[in-house]
C-alpha atoms as a PDB file:
ATOM      1  CA  MET A   1     -21.534  -4.571  12.595  1.00  0.00           C
ATOM      2  CA  VAL A   2     -18.527  -6.283  14.129  1.00  0.00           C
ATOM      3  CA  ALA A   3     -18.124  -8.442  11.031  1.00  0.00           C
ATOM      4  CA  LEU A   4     -18.167  -5.344   8.797  1.00  0.00           C
ATOM      5  CA  VAL A   5     -15.479  -3.676  10.900  1.00  0.00           C
ATOM      6  CA  GLY A   6     -13.416  -6.856  10.759  1.00  0.00           C
ATOM      7  CA  LEU A   7     -13.754  -6.999   6.974  1.00  0.00           C
ATOM      8  CA  ILE A   8     -12.780  -3.347   6.504  1.00  0.00           C
ATOM      9  CA  THR A   9      -9.750  -3.599   8.777  1.00  0.00           C
ATOM     10  CA  THR A  10      -8.649  -6.817   7.042  1.00  0.00           C
ATOM     11  CA  VAL A  11      -8.888  -5.183   3.607  1.00  0.00           C
ATOM     12  CA  ILE A  12      -6.862  -2.212   4.868  1.00  0.00           C
ATOM     13  CA  GLN A  13      -4.239  -4.580   6.308  1.00  0.00           C
ATOM     14  CA  LEU A  14      -4.012  -6.475   3.007  1.00  0.00           C
ATOM     15  CA  TYR A  15      -3.522  -3.181   1.141  1.00  0.00           C
ATOM     16  CA  ILE A  16      -0.749  -2.189   3.549  1.00  0.00           C
ATOM     17  CA  TRP A  17       0.977  -5.501   2.822  1.00  0.00           C
ATOM     18  CA  ALA A  18       0.516  -4.944  -0.912  1.00  0.00           C
ATOM     19  CA  LEU A  19       2.248  -1.567  -0.541  1.00  0.00           C
ATOM     20  CA  ILE A  20       5.137  -3.079   1.402  1.00  0.00           C
ATOM     21  CA  ILE A  21       5.587  -5.931  -1.079  1.00  0.00           C
ATOM     22  CA  SER A  22       5.379  -3.484  -3.980  1.00  0.00           C
ATOM     23  CA  VAL A  23       8.127  -1.289  -2.528  1.00  0.00           C
ATOM     24  CA  ILE A  24      10.392  -4.256  -1.803  1.00  0.00           C
ATOM     25  CA  MET A  25       9.765  -5.707  -5.247  1.00  0.00           C
ATOM     26  CA  THR A  26      10.606  -2.352  -6.855  1.00  0.00           C
ATOM     27  CA  TRP A  27      13.916  -2.292  -4.971  1.00  0.00           C
ATOM     28  CA  LEU A  28      14.716  -5.863  -6.005  1.00  0.00           C
ATOM     29  CA  ILE A  29      14.000  -5.063  -9.641  1.00  0.00           C
ATOM     30  CA  GLN A  30      16.099  -1.874  -9.515  1.00  0.00           C
ATOM     31  CA  PHE A  31      19.081  -3.730  -8.055  1.00  0.00           C
ATOM     32  CA  ASN A  32      18.697  -6.588 -10.575  1.00  0.00           C
ATOM     33  CA  VAL A  33      18.021  -9.180  -7.892  1.00  0.00           C
ATOM     34  CA  ILE A  34      14.867 -10.311  -9.690  1.00  0.00           C
ATOM     35  CA  ASN A  35      14.185  -9.989 -13.396  1.00  0.00           C
ATOM     36  CA  THR A  36      10.919  -8.849 -14.939  1.00  0.00           C
ATOM     37  CA  SER A  37      11.456 -11.096 -17.954  1.00  0.00           C
ATOM     38  CA  ASN A  38      10.250 -13.903 -15.681  1.00  0.00           C
ATOM     39  CA  ARG A  39       6.516 -14.154 -16.374  1.00  0.00           C
ATOM     40  CA  PHE A  40       5.520 -14.706 -12.729  1.00  0.00           C
ATOM     41  CA  VAL A  41       7.600 -11.755 -11.505  1.00  0.00           C
ATOM     42  CA  TYR A  42       6.148  -9.551 -14.234  1.00  0.00           C
ATOM     43  CA  THR A  43       2.572 -10.598 -13.423  1.00  0.00           C
ATOM     44  CA  VAL A  44       2.958  -9.997  -9.683  1.00  0.00           C
ATOM     45  CA  GLY A  45       4.715  -6.676 -10.261  1.00  0.00           C
ATOM     46  CA  ASP A  46       2.082  -5.517 -12.729  1.00  0.00           C
ATOM     47  CA  PHE A  47      -0.741  -6.479 -10.360  1.00  0.00           C
ATOM     48  CA  LEU A  48       0.877  -4.660  -7.439  1.00  0.00           C
ATOM     49  CA  TYR A  49       1.546  -1.611  -9.618  1.00  0.00           C
ATOM     50  CA  ARG A  50      -2.074  -1.477 -10.766  1.00  0.00           C
ATOM     51  CA  ILE A  51      -3.524  -1.639  -7.264  1.00  0.00           C
ATOM     52  CA  THR A  52      -1.040   0.675  -5.524  1.00  0.00           C
ATOM     53  CA  GLU A  53      -0.168   3.299  -8.137  1.00  0.00           C
ATOM     54  CA  PRO A  54      -3.520   5.179  -8.180  1.00  0.00           C
ATOM     55  CA  VAL A  55      -3.187   5.971  -4.475  1.00  0.00           C
ATOM     56  CA  LEU A  56       0.563   6.574  -4.547  1.00  0.00           C
ATOM     57  CA  SER A  57       0.363   8.948  -7.514  1.00  0.00           C
ATOM     58  CA  LYS A  58      -2.145  11.151  -5.684  1.00  0.00           C
ATOM     59  CA  VAL A  59       0.145  11.339  -2.666  1.00  0.00           C
ATOM     60  CA  ARG A  60       3.187  12.005  -4.892  1.00  0.00           C
ATOM     61  CA  SER A  61       1.409  15.003  -6.395  1.00  0.00           C
ATOM     62  CA  VAL A  62       1.161  16.517  -2.895  1.00  0.00           C
ATOM     63  CA  ILE A  63       4.443  15.336  -1.353  1.00  0.00           C
ATOM     64  CA  PRO A  64       7.494  15.522  -3.635  1.00  0.00           C
ATOM     65  CA  SER A  65      10.366  13.050  -3.330  1.00  0.00           C
ATOM     66  CA  VAL A  66      13.094  14.084  -0.921  1.00  0.00           C
ATOM     67  CA  GLY A  67      16.579  13.600  -2.311  1.00  0.00           C
ATOM     68  CA  GLY A  68      15.371  10.962  -4.759  1.00  0.00           C
ATOM     69  CA  ILE A  69      13.563   9.007  -2.049  1.00  0.00           C
ATOM     70  CA  ASP A  70       9.844   8.459  -2.572  1.00  0.00           C
ATOM     71  CA  LEU A  71       8.040   8.999   0.723  1.00  0.00           C
ATOM     72  CA  SER A  72       4.550   8.337  -0.631  1.00  0.00           C
ATOM     73  CA  PRO A  73       4.358   4.667   0.493  1.00  0.00           C
ATOM     74  CA  ILE A  74       5.250   5.674   4.047  1.00  0.00           C
ATOM     75  CA  VAL A  75       2.608   8.412   4.057  1.00  0.00           C
ATOM     76  CA  VAL A  76      -0.057   6.067   2.670  1.00  0.00           C
ATOM     77  CA  ILE A  77       0.805   3.319   5.166  1.00  0.00           C
ATOM     78  CA  LEU A  78       0.625   5.773   8.075  1.00  0.00           C
ATOM     79  CA  LEU A  79      -2.725   7.120   6.875  1.00  0.00           C
ATOM     80  CA  LEU A  80      -4.127   3.621   6.410  1.00  0.00           C
ATOM     81  CA  ALA A  81      -2.924   2.561   9.863  1.00  0.00           C
ATOM     82  CA  PHE A  82      -4.657   5.619  11.320  1.00  0.00           C
ATOM     83  CA  VAL A  83      -7.897   4.835   9.477  1.00  0.00           C
ATOM     84  CA  GLN A  84      -7.628   1.193  10.488  1.00  0.00           C
ATOM     85  CA  GLN A  85      -7.596   2.179  14.148  1.00  0.00           C
ATOM     86  CA  LEU A  86     -10.209   4.897  13.723  1.00  0.00           C
ATOM     87  CA  ILE A  87     -12.894   2.794  12.006  1.00  0.00           C
ATOM     88  CA  PRO A  88     -13.696   0.492  14.951  1.00  0.00           C
ATOM     89  CA  GLU A  89     -14.034   3.502  17.225  1.00  0.00           C
ATOM     90  CA  LEU A  90     -16.339   5.297  14.801  1.00  0.00           C
ATOM     91  CA  ILE A  91     -18.567   2.340  14.006  1.00  0.00           C
ATOM     92  CA  LEU A  92     -18.539   0.338  17.218  1.00  0.00           C
ATOM     93  CA  GLY A  93     -17.981   3.212  19.607  1.00  0.00           C
ATOM     94  CA  ALA A  94     -21.126   5.009  18.431  1.00  0.00           C
ATOM     95  CA  ARG A  95     -23.446   2.487  20.122  1.00  0.00           C
END
């Protein structure tokens, strides 16, 4: 059971990092620091968009942007951090 909890928390942590990298990459593209005509940049950006957008779009439908600032990544990261701390207590604490 400990290995399963470790795997789940690691996957959640990797998804949190994917969200953070996706947000930073979006900023860099918007400010023309990196260019999507570069094949590697486009591939990484497309991959991050495909894995993060389904979750972010559901949160965006509930929480609108505030003054042009998208708060959905912050909400998702906070929820994932909460779940990441809750899972070991639920699975391992129920012994």
